[in-house]
Amino acid sequence: MASIFSYQSSEVDWCESNFQHSNLVAEFYNTTSNVSFFIIGPLMMYLLHPYAQKRSLIVQLPWVLFILVGLFSVYFHMTLSFLGQILDELAILWLLATCYCIWFPRCYFPAFLKNDRSHFTCMVLCITISITFLAFLKPIVNAYVLNSIALHICYFVRKEYKKKYTKVNHMITVSVMWWLLAVSTWICDRLFCSFWQRISFAYLHSFWHIFISMVFPYVVDTLVLLEGRYEMQDNSLEIHYWPRDEWLVGLPYVTLVGKKANSGGKNC
């Protein structure tokens, strides 16, 4: 059992040369690039605090899990251990599951749940707990699950984009751009590693960490705007950007103006 803690016990190894800068850190740049999670996570918790006070403090939980994703990614890339790989992947799974439970629109719930969020949350949590146990027995299960969730998100985003809700469409467009940039670095690192090593630039996976950490604030804002559209019609949601609204690139956050959210909703 101790072998799962061992350095390089994972079958996954990225393009960056191992132990090049430290005898304790397997992939130096892939490890340190996770700093973006530790900056963006607490900053978004601070920016969204007024919204959380009016909505519910539970909306801060995804940002705690976001920070844990960065922490487990640090552990994985530092050790390349099997345990690090599993914790890294499961942290992403639980982050996505939490976002589903909090923000996924009721009108997309399976019919047998009758738009009941508590039943939907129980279903999502039961599935996530089952997958968590299976991941330790069959690690490949988690990869298939994460890919399935990605396909479902693409389907859901496509349906919403067609409705031409301007604020949502802008958030979707920007998040997809960041996501494509992130995925391109991930793919290039995996498929063209020999080329990057020849030109001494085997650090593309570290850029994946930075770009993918920029995607999440836009995804959360998209979900919050959809919640405002379908379930919080007594409220007015405003989008702002840190550090300044006028800047071309910034972190989006939502402020909620109006009464406390009600349980009414607009049909999808």
C-alpha atoms as a PDB file:
ATOM      1  CA  MET A   1       0.000   0.000   0.000  1.00  0.00           C
ATOM      2  CA  ALA A   2       2.930   2.324   0.730  1.00  0.00           C
ATOM      3  CA  SER A   3       3.867   2.269  -2.960  1.00  0.00           C
ATOM      4  CA  ILE A   4       1.026   4.640  -3.848  1.00  0.00           C
ATOM      5  CA  PHE A   5       2.913   7.356  -1.901  1.00  0.00           C
ATOM      6  CA  SER A   6       6.201   6.669  -3.703  1.00  0.00           C
ATOM      7  CA  TYR A   7       7.766   9.157  -6.073  1.00  0.00           C
ATOM      8  CA  GLN A   8       6.993   8.322  -9.730  1.00  0.00           C
ATOM      9  CA  SER A   9       4.536   5.551  -8.801  1.00  0.00           C
ATOM     10  CA  SER A  10       2.020   7.097 -11.211  1.00  0.00           C
ATOM     11  CA  GLU A  11       2.015   5.939 -14.822  1.00  0.00           C
ATOM     12  CA  VAL A  12       1.465   9.569 -15.894  1.00  0.00           C
ATOM     13  CA  ASP A  13       4.564  11.633 -16.626  1.00  0.00           C
ATOM     14  CA  TRP A  14       4.566  14.996 -18.393  1.00  0.00           C
ATOM     15  CA  CYS A  15       7.049  16.423 -20.849  1.00  0.00           C
ATOM     16  CA  GLU A  16       9.063  18.460 -18.352  1.00  0.00           C
ATOM     17  CA  SER A  17      12.306  16.762 -17.288  1.00  0.00           C
ATOM     18  CA  ASN A  18      12.144  15.262 -13.807  1.00  0.00           C
ATOM     19  CA  PHE A  19      14.229  16.486 -10.849  1.00  0.00           C
ATOM     20  CA  GLN A  20      16.012  19.053 -13.004  1.00  0.00           C
ATOM     21  CA  HIS A  21      15.908  21.861 -10.426  1.00  0.00           C
ATOM     22  CA  SER A  22      15.428  19.999  -7.137  1.00  0.00           C
ATOM     23  CA  ASN A  23      15.883  16.523  -5.705  1.00  0.00           C
ATOM     24  CA  LEU A  24      12.516  16.872  -3.938  1.00  0.00           C
ATOM     25  CA  VAL A  25      10.390  18.259  -6.783  1.00  0.00           C
ATOM     26  CA  ALA A  26       9.897  16.020  -9.826  1.00  0.00           C
ATOM     27  CA  GLU A  27       8.454  18.676 -12.172  1.00  0.00           C
ATOM     28  CA  PHE A  28       9.473  22.118 -10.964  1.00  0.00           C
ATOM     29  CA  TYR A  29       7.518  24.356 -13.365  1.00  0.00           C
ATOM     30  CA  ASN A  30       4.447  22.109 -13.439  1.00  0.00           C
ATOM     31  CA  THR A  31       4.447  22.311  -9.637  1.00  0.00           C
ATOM     32  CA  THR A  32       5.008  26.050  -9.170  1.00  0.00           C
ATOM     33  CA  SER A  33       2.556  27.072 -11.924  1.00  0.00           C
ATOM     34  CA  ASN A  34      -0.279  25.982  -9.621  1.00  0.00           C
ATOM     35  CA  VAL A  35       0.237  29.239  -7.752  1.00  0.00           C
ATOM     36  CA  SER A  36      -2.542  30.638  -9.955  1.00  0.00           C
ATOM     37  CA  PHE A  37      -5.070  28.510  -8.019  1.00  0.00           C
ATOM     38  CA  PHE A  38      -3.877  29.967  -4.718  1.00  0.00           C
ATOM     39  CA  ILE A  39      -4.193  33.524  -6.029  1.00  0.00           C
ATOM     40  CA  ILE A  40      -7.469  33.287  -7.974  1.00  0.00           C
ATOM     41  CA  GLY A  41      -9.337  31.127  -5.412  1.00  0.00           C
ATOM     42  CA  PRO A  42      -9.054  33.441  -2.369  1.00  0.00           C
ATOM     43  CA  LEU A  43      -9.445  36.534  -4.552  1.00  0.00           C
ATOM     44  CA  MET A  44     -12.722  35.242  -6.029  1.00  0.00           C
ATOM     45  CA  MET A  45     -13.973  34.350  -2.542  1.00  0.00           C
ATOM     46  CA  TYR A  46     -13.347  37.953  -1.537  1.00  0.00           C
ATOM     47  CA  LEU A  47     -14.930  39.444  -4.674  1.00  0.00           C
ATOM     48  CA  LEU A  48     -18.018  37.209  -4.418  1.00  0.00           C
ATOM     49  CA  HIS A  49     -18.508  37.685  -0.681  1.00  0.00           C
ATOM     50  CA  PRO A  50     -21.303  40.283  -1.069  1.00  0.00           C
ATOM     51  CA  TYR A  51     -23.122  37.919  -3.459  1.00  0.00           C
ATOM     52  CA  ALA A  52     -22.558  34.987  -1.077  1.00  0.00           C
ATOM     53  CA  GLN A  53     -24.006  36.950   1.848  1.00  0.00           C
ATOM     54  CA  LYS A  54     -27.249  37.523  -0.060  1.00  0.00           C
ATOM     55  CA  ARG A  55     -27.408  34.147  -1.799  1.00  0.00           C
ATOM     56  CA  SER A  56     -25.818  31.672   0.638  1.00  0.00           C
ATOM     57  CA  LEU A  57     -22.302  31.082   1.950  1.00  0.00           C
ATOM     58  CA  ILE A  58     -22.424  27.638   0.320  1.00  0.00           C
ATOM     59  CA  VAL A  59     -21.465  29.329  -2.976  1.00  0.00           C
ATOM     60  CA  GLN A  60     -17.959  29.788  -1.541  1.00  0.00           C
ATOM     61  CA  LEU A  61     -17.457  26.010  -1.279  1.00  0.00           C
ATOM     62  CA  PRO A  62     -16.448  25.586  -4.957  1.00  0.00           C
ATOM     63  CA  TRP A  63     -13.630  28.073  -4.397  1.00  0.00           C
ATOM     64  CA  VAL A  64     -12.363  26.062  -1.430  1.00  0.00           C
ATOM     65  CA  LEU A  65     -12.351  22.975  -3.676  1.00  0.00           C
ATOM     66  CA  PHE A  66     -10.696  25.042  -6.432  1.00  0.00           C
ATOM     67  CA  ILE A  67      -7.827  25.768  -4.039  1.00  0.00           C
ATOM     68  CA  LEU A  68      -7.679  22.048  -3.151  1.00  0.00           C
ATOM     69  CA  VAL A  69      -7.364  21.226  -6.863  1.00  0.00           C
ATOM     70  CA  GLY A  70      -4.268  23.435  -6.932  1.00  0.00           C
ATOM     71  CA  LEU A  71      -2.923  21.872  -3.726  1.00  0.00           C
ATOM     72  CA  PHE A  72      -3.340  18.292  -4.960  1.00  0.00           C
ATOM     73  CA  SER A  73      -1.893  19.250  -8.342  1.00  0.00           C
ATOM     74  CA  VAL A  74       1.184  20.576  -6.519  1.00  0.00           C
ATOM     75  CA  TYR A  75       1.485  17.266  -4.653  1.00  0.00           C
ATOM     76  CA  PHE A  76       1.078  15.231  -7.854  1.00  0.00           C
ATOM     77  CA  HIS A  77       3.613  17.136  -9.945  1.00  0.00           C
ATOM     78  CA  MET A  78       6.042  17.337  -7.048  1.00  0.00           C
ATOM     79  CA  THR A  79       6.012  13.545  -6.509  1.00  0.00           C
ATOM     80  CA  LEU A  80       4.427  12.009  -9.628  1.00  0.00           C
ATOM     81  CA  SER A  81       2.902   9.543  -7.164  1.00  0.00           C
ATOM     82  CA  PHE A  82      -0.178   7.430  -7.792  1.00  0.00           C
ATOM     83  CA  LEU A  83      -1.901   8.959  -4.772  1.00  0.00           C
ATOM     84  CA  GLY A  84      -1.146  12.435  -6.085  1.00  0.00           C
ATOM     85  CA  GLN A  85      -2.671  11.569  -9.457  1.00  0.00           C
ATOM     86  CA  ILE A  86      -5.859  10.179  -7.868  1.00  0.00           C
ATOM     87  CA  LEU A  87      -6.259  13.127  -5.481  1.00  0.00           C
ATOM     88  CA  ASP A  88      -5.718  15.581  -8.329  1.00  0.00           C
ATOM     89  CA  GLU A  89      -8.383  13.943 -10.513  1.00  0.00           C
ATOM     90  CA  LEU A  90     -10.866  13.423  -7.663  1.00  0.00           C
ATOM     91  CA  ALA A  91     -10.556  17.056  -6.566  1.00  0.00           C
ATOM     92  CA  ILE A  92     -11.651  18.095 -10.065  1.00  0.00           C
ATOM     93  CA  LEU A  93     -14.533  15.606  -9.922  1.00  0.00           C
ATOM     94  CA  TRP A  94     -15.776  16.968  -6.573  1.00  0.00           C
ATOM     95  CA  LEU A  95     -15.393  20.553  -7.775  1.00  0.00           C
ATOM     96  CA  LEU A  96     -17.610  19.859 -10.789  1.00  0.00           C
ATOM     97  CA  ALA A  97     -20.116  17.908  -8.676  1.00  0.00           C
ATOM     98  CA  THR A  98     -20.399  20.785  -6.208  1.00  0.00           C
ATOM     99  CA  CYS A  99     -21.058  23.281  -8.996  1.00  0.00           C
ATOM    100  CA  TYR A 100     -23.767  20.990 -10.378  1.00  0.00           C
ATOM    101  CA  CYS A 101     -25.411  20.739  -6.949  1.00  0.00           C
ATOM    102  CA  ILE A 102     -25.393  24.492  -6.303  1.00  0.00           C
ATOM    103  CA  TRP A 103     -26.080  26.069  -9.687  1.00  0.00           C
ATOM    104  CA  PHE A 104     -27.255  23.603 -12.321  1.00  0.00           C
ATOM    105  CA  PRO A 105     -30.670  24.891 -13.542  1.00  0.00           C
ATOM    106  CA  ARG A 106     -33.672  22.960 -12.216  1.00  0.00           C
ATOM    107  CA  CYS A 107     -35.305  22.921 -15.613  1.00  0.00           C
ATOM    108  CA  TYR A 108     -32.534  20.569 -16.823  1.00  0.00           C
ATOM    109  CA  PHE A 109     -33.063  18.089 -13.976  1.00  0.00           C
ATOM    110  CA  PRO A 110     -34.224  14.573 -14.921  1.00  0.00           C
ATOM    111  CA  ALA A 111     -38.035  14.458 -14.963  1.00  0.00           C
ATOM    112  CA  PHE A 112     -38.277  11.933 -12.106  1.00  0.00           C
ATOM    113  CA  LEU A 113     -36.697  14.476  -9.699  1.00  0.00           C
ATOM    114  CA  LYS A 114     -39.578  16.932 -10.267  1.00  0.00           C
ATOM    115  CA  ASN A 115     -37.310  20.000 -10.080  1.00  0.00           C
ATOM    116  CA  ASP A 116     -36.342  19.208  -6.483  1.00  0.00           C
ATOM    117  CA  ARG A 117     -32.775  20.443  -5.880  1.00  0.00           C
ATOM    118  CA  SER A 118     -32.334  18.432  -2.683  1.00  0.00           C
ATOM    119  CA  HIS A 119     -33.099  15.203  -4.578  1.00  0.00           C
ATOM    120  CA  PHE A 120     -30.803  16.272  -7.411  1.00  0.00           C
ATOM    121  CA  THR A 121     -28.028  17.020  -4.908  1.00  0.00           C
ATOM    122  CA  CYS A 122     -28.443  13.602  -3.282  1.00  0.00           C
ATOM    123  CA  MET A 123     -28.264  11.906  -6.672  1.00  0.00           C
ATOM    124  CA  VAL A 124     -25.111  13.812  -7.696  1.00  0.00           C
ATOM    125  CA  LEU A 125     -23.413  13.159  -4.352  1.00  0.00           C
ATOM    126  CA  CYS A 126     -24.243   9.426  -4.408  1.00  0.00           C
ATOM    127  CA  ILE A 127     -22.798   9.113  -7.917  1.00  0.00           C
ATOM    128  CA  THR A 128     -19.702  11.129  -6.972  1.00  0.00           C
ATOM    129  CA  ILE A 129     -19.048   9.077  -3.819  1.00  0.00           C
ATOM    130  CA  SER A 130     -19.374   5.847  -5.822  1.00  0.00           C
ATOM    131  CA  ILE A 131     -16.938   7.095  -8.461  1.00  0.00           C
ATOM    132  CA  THR A 132     -14.498   8.189  -5.734  1.00  0.00           C
ATOM    133  CA  PHE A 133     -14.319   4.643  -4.354  1.00  0.00           C
ATOM    134  CA  LEU A 134     -14.094   3.128  -7.831  1.00  0.00           C
ATOM    135  CA  ALA A 135     -11.241   5.486  -8.761  1.00  0.00           C
ATOM    136  CA  PHE A 136      -8.942   3.814  -6.226  1.00  0.00           C
ATOM    137  CA  LEU A 137      -9.809   0.361  -7.576  1.00  0.00           C
ATOM    138  CA  LYS A 138      -9.910   1.297 -11.272  1.00  0.00           C
ATOM    139  CA  PRO A 139      -8.193   4.676 -11.822  1.00  0.00           C
ATOM    140  CA  ILE A 140      -9.259   4.749 -15.486  1.00  0.00           C
ATOM    141  CA  VAL A 141     -12.892   5.119 -14.339  1.00  0.00           C
ATOM    142  CA  ASN A 142     -12.290   8.700 -13.244  1.00  0.00           C
ATOM    143  CA  ALA A 143     -10.895   9.668 -16.655  1.00  0.00           C
ATOM    144  CA  TYR A 144     -14.010   8.343 -18.415  1.00  0.00           C
ATOM    145  CA  VAL A 145     -16.271  10.117 -15.915  1.00  0.00           C
ATOM    146  CA  LEU A 146     -14.513  13.469 -16.335  1.00  0.00           C
ATOM    147  CA  ASN A 147     -14.724  13.135 -20.123  1.00  0.00           C
ATOM    148  CA  SER A 148     -18.436  12.297 -19.856  1.00  0.00           C
ATOM    149  CA  ILE A 149     -19.033  15.368 -17.693  1.00  0.00           C
ATOM    150  CA  ALA A 150     -17.146  17.476 -20.239  1.00  0.00           C
ATOM    151  CA  LEU A 151     -19.447  16.201 -23.007  1.00  0.00           C
ATOM    152  CA  HIS A 152     -22.524  16.974 -20.913  1.00  0.00           C
ATOM    153  CA  ILE A 153     -21.214  20.489 -20.209  1.00  0.00           C
ATOM    154  CA  CYS A 154     -20.660  21.034 -23.958  1.00  0.00           C
ATOM    155  CA  TYR A 155     -24.235  19.902 -24.673  1.00  0.00           C
ATOM    156  CA  PHE A 156     -25.636  22.153 -21.939  1.00  0.00           C
ATOM    157  CA  VAL A 157     -23.554  25.173 -23.032  1.00  0.00           C
ATOM    158  CA  ARG A 158     -24.598  24.725 -26.666  1.00  0.00           C
ATOM    159  CA  LYS A 159     -28.290  24.732 -25.693  1.00  0.00           C
ATOM    160  CA  GLU A 160     -27.885  27.889 -23.632  1.00  0.00           C
ATOM    161  CA  TYR A 161     -25.794  29.685 -26.256  1.00  0.00           C
ATOM    162  CA  LYS A 162     -28.588  29.257 -28.805  1.00  0.00           C
ATOM    163  CA  LYS A 163     -30.942  31.276 -26.587  1.00  0.00           C
ATOM    164  CA  LYS A 164     -28.917  34.438 -27.277  1.00  0.00           C
ATOM    165  CA  TYR A 165     -28.881  35.698 -23.682  1.00  0.00           C
ATOM    166  CA  THR A 166     -26.218  38.401 -24.141  1.00  0.00           C
ATOM    167  CA  LYS A 167     -24.521  38.311 -20.732  1.00  0.00           C
ATOM    168  CA  VAL A 168     -24.422  34.515 -20.667  1.00  0.00           C
ATOM    169  CA  ASN A 169     -23.195  34.269 -24.253  1.00  0.00           C
ATOM    170  CA  HIS A 170     -20.338  36.672 -23.508  1.00  0.00           C
ATOM    171  CA  MET A 171     -19.265  34.594 -20.502  1.00  0.00           C
ATOM    172  CA  ILE A 172     -19.523  31.390 -22.552  1.00  0.00           C
ATOM    173  CA  THR A 173     -17.499  32.868 -25.413  1.00  0.00           C
ATOM    174  CA  VAL A 174     -14.659  34.058 -23.190  1.00  0.00           C
ATOM    175  CA  SER A 175     -14.570  30.843 -21.143  1.00  0.00           C
ATOM    176  CA  VAL A 176     -14.446  28.732 -24.320  1.00  0.00           C
ATOM    177  CA  MET A 177     -11.558  30.863 -25.617  1.00  0.00           C
ATOM    178  CA  TRP A 178      -9.589  30.353 -22.402  1.00  0.00           C
ATOM    179  CA  TRP A 179     -10.505  26.650 -22.427  1.00  0.00           C
ATOM    180  CA  LEU A 180      -9.319  26.157 -26.017  1.00  0.00           C
ATOM    181  CA  LEU A 181      -6.070  27.910 -25.167  1.00  0.00           C
ATOM    182  CA  ALA A 182      -5.637  25.639 -22.138  1.00  0.00           C
ATOM    183  CA  VAL A 183      -6.513  22.431 -24.006  1.00  0.00           C
ATOM    184  CA  SER A 184      -4.145  23.308 -26.859  1.00  0.00           C
ATOM    185  CA  THR A 185      -1.221  23.537 -24.412  1.00  0.00           C
ATOM    186  CA  TRP A 186      -2.255  20.230 -22.766  1.00  0.00           C
ATOM    187  CA  ILE A 187      -2.475  18.425 -26.125  1.00  0.00           C
ATOM    188  CA  CYS A 188       0.761  19.893 -27.472  1.00  0.00           C
ATOM    189  CA  ASP A 189       2.607  18.859 -24.318  1.00  0.00           C
ATOM    190  CA  ARG A 190       1.363  15.269 -24.654  1.00  0.00           C
ATOM    191  CA  LEU A 191       1.639  14.773 -28.418  1.00  0.00           C
ATOM    192  CA  PHE A 192       4.707  16.796 -29.397  1.00  0.00           C
ATOM    193  CA  CYS A 193       6.899  16.324 -26.346  1.00  0.00           C
ATOM    194  CA  SER A 194      10.011  15.350 -28.330  1.00  0.00           C
ATOM    195  CA  PHE A 195       9.809  18.614 -30.303  1.00  0.00           C
ATOM    196  CA  TRP A 196       9.511  20.783 -27.169  1.00  0.00           C
ATOM    197  CA  GLN A 197      12.409  18.918 -25.574  1.00  0.00           C
ATOM    198  CA  ARG A 198      14.566  19.511 -28.663  1.00  0.00           C
ATOM    199  CA  ILE A 199      14.008  23.282 -28.395  1.00  0.00           C
ATOM    200  CA  SER A 200      14.340  23.168 -24.569  1.00  0.00           C
ATOM    201  CA  PHE A 201      10.794  24.340 -23.887  1.00  0.00           C
ATOM    202  CA  ALA A 202       9.083  21.358 -22.270  1.00  0.00           C
ATOM    203  CA  TYR A 203       6.867  23.466 -19.986  1.00  0.00           C
ATOM    204  CA  LEU A 204       3.541  23.694 -21.806  1.00  0.00           C
ATOM    205  CA  HIS A 205       1.686  21.780 -19.097  1.00  0.00           C
ATOM    206  CA  SER A 206       2.514  24.574 -16.669  1.00  0.00           C
ATOM    207  CA  PHE A 207       0.660  26.982 -18.991  1.00  0.00           C
ATOM    208  CA  TRP A 208      -2.319  24.574 -18.861  1.00  0.00           C
ATOM    209  CA  HIS A 209      -2.548  25.204 -15.103  1.00  0.00           C
ATOM    210  CA  ILE A 210      -2.593  28.968 -15.551  1.00  0.00           C
ATOM    211  CA  PHE A 211      -5.081  29.018 -18.435  1.00  0.00           C
ATOM    212  CA  ILE A 212      -7.485  26.467 -16.927  1.00  0.00           C
ATOM    213  CA  SER A 213      -7.511  28.385 -13.642  1.00  0.00           C
ATOM    214  CA  MET A 214      -8.684  31.413 -15.644  1.00  0.00           C
ATOM    215  CA  VAL A 215     -11.569  29.405 -17.133  1.00  0.00           C
ATOM    216  CA  PHE A 216     -13.276  28.633 -13.828  1.00  0.00           C
ATOM    217  CA  PRO A 217     -14.294  32.202 -12.825  1.00  0.00           C
ATOM    218  CA  TYR A 218     -16.067  32.589 -16.185  1.00  0.00           C
ATOM    219  CA  VAL A 219     -17.782  29.208 -15.773  1.00  0.00           C
ATOM    220  CA  VAL A 220     -19.028  30.152 -12.304  1.00  0.00           C
ATOM    221  CA  ASP A 221     -20.309  33.520 -13.534  1.00  0.00           C
ATOM    222  CA  THR A 222     -22.119  31.763 -16.368  1.00  0.00           C
ATOM    223  CA  LEU A 223     -23.868  29.474 -13.894  1.00  0.00           C
ATOM    224  CA  VAL A 224     -24.729  32.380 -11.584  1.00  0.00           C
ATOM    225  CA  LEU A 225     -26.226  34.349 -14.479  1.00  0.00           C
ATOM    226  CA  LEU A 226     -28.317  31.335 -15.481  1.00  0.00           C
ATOM    227  CA  GLU A 227     -29.477  30.997 -11.896  1.00  0.00           C
ATOM    228  CA  GLY A 228     -30.453  34.655 -12.001  1.00  0.00           C
ATOM    229  CA  ARG A 229     -32.375  34.080 -15.196  1.00  0.00           C
ATOM    230  CA  TYR A 230     -34.239  30.951 -14.140  1.00  0.00           C
ATOM    231  CA  GLU A 231     -34.539  31.114 -10.365  1.00  0.00           C
ATOM    232  CA  MET A 232     -33.819  34.612  -8.998  1.00  0.00           C
ATOM    233  CA  GLN A 233     -36.121  36.890 -10.903  1.00  0.00           C
ATOM    234  CA  ASP A 234     -36.549  39.340  -8.049  1.00  0.00           C
ATOM    235  CA  ASN A 235     -32.882  40.232  -8.369  1.00  0.00           C
ATOM    236  CA  SER A 236     -30.657  42.135 -10.718  1.00  0.00           C
ATOM    237  CA  LEU A 237     -27.232  40.616 -11.383  1.00  0.00           C
ATOM    238  CA  GLU A 238     -24.358  42.819 -12.452  1.00  0.00           C
ATOM    239  CA  ILE A 239     -21.042  41.646 -13.903  1.00  0.00           C
ATOM    240  CA  HIS A 240     -17.835  43.413 -12.899  1.00  0.00           C
ATOM    241  CA  TYR A 241     -14.180  42.688 -13.567  1.00  0.00           C
ATOM    242  CA  TRP A 242     -11.181  42.781 -11.287  1.00  0.00           C
ATOM    243  CA  PRO A 243      -8.995  44.812 -11.195  1.00  0.00           C
ATOM    244  CA  ARG A 244     -11.033  47.223 -13.363  1.00  0.00           C
ATOM    245  CA  ASP A 245     -14.124  46.902 -15.528  1.00  0.00           C
ATOM    246  CA  GLU A 246     -12.368  48.717 -18.386  1.00  0.00           C
ATOM    247  CA  TRP A 247      -9.513  46.230 -18.651  1.00  0.00           C
ATOM    248  CA  LEU A 248      -9.506  43.813 -21.574  1.00  0.00           C
ATOM    249  CA  VAL A 249      -8.503  40.857 -19.377  1.00  0.00           C
ATOM    250  CA  GLY A 250      -9.714  40.466 -15.804  1.00  0.00           C
ATOM    251  CA  LEU A 251     -11.476  38.215 -13.316  1.00  0.00           C
ATOM    252  CA  PRO A 252     -15.264  38.415 -13.640  1.00  0.00           C
ATOM    253  CA  TYR A 253     -17.452  38.484 -10.557  1.00  0.00           C
ATOM    254  CA  VAL A 254     -21.152  38.968  -9.943  1.00  0.00           C
ATOM    255  CA  THR A 255     -22.883  41.404  -7.627  1.00  0.00           C
ATOM    256  CA  LEU A 256     -26.468  40.764  -6.651  1.00  0.00           C
ATOM    257  CA  VAL A 257     -28.791  43.765  -6.341  1.00  0.00           C
ATOM    258  CA  GLY A 258     -32.293  43.283  -4.969  1.00  0.00           C
ATOM    259  CA  LYS A 259     -34.153  40.946  -2.678  1.00  0.00           C
ATOM    260  CA  LYS A 260     -32.977  37.551  -1.461  1.00  0.00           C
ATOM    261  CA  ALA A 261     -33.332  34.825  -4.087  1.00  0.00           C
ATOM    262  CA  ASN A 262     -36.706  33.141  -4.326  1.00  0.00           C
ATOM    263  CA  SER A 263     -37.468  29.634  -5.501  1.00  0.00           C
ATOM    264  CA  GLY A 264     -39.506  30.696  -8.476  1.00  0.00           C
ATOM    265  CA  GLY A 265     -38.153  30.210 -11.911  1.00  0.00           C
ATOM    266  CA  LYS A 266     -38.425  30.684 -15.568  1.00  0.00           C
ATOM    267  CA  ASN A 267     -38.681  27.665 -17.839  1.00  0.00           C
ATOM    268  CA  CYS A 268     -35.602  26.680 -19.819  1.00  0.00           C
END
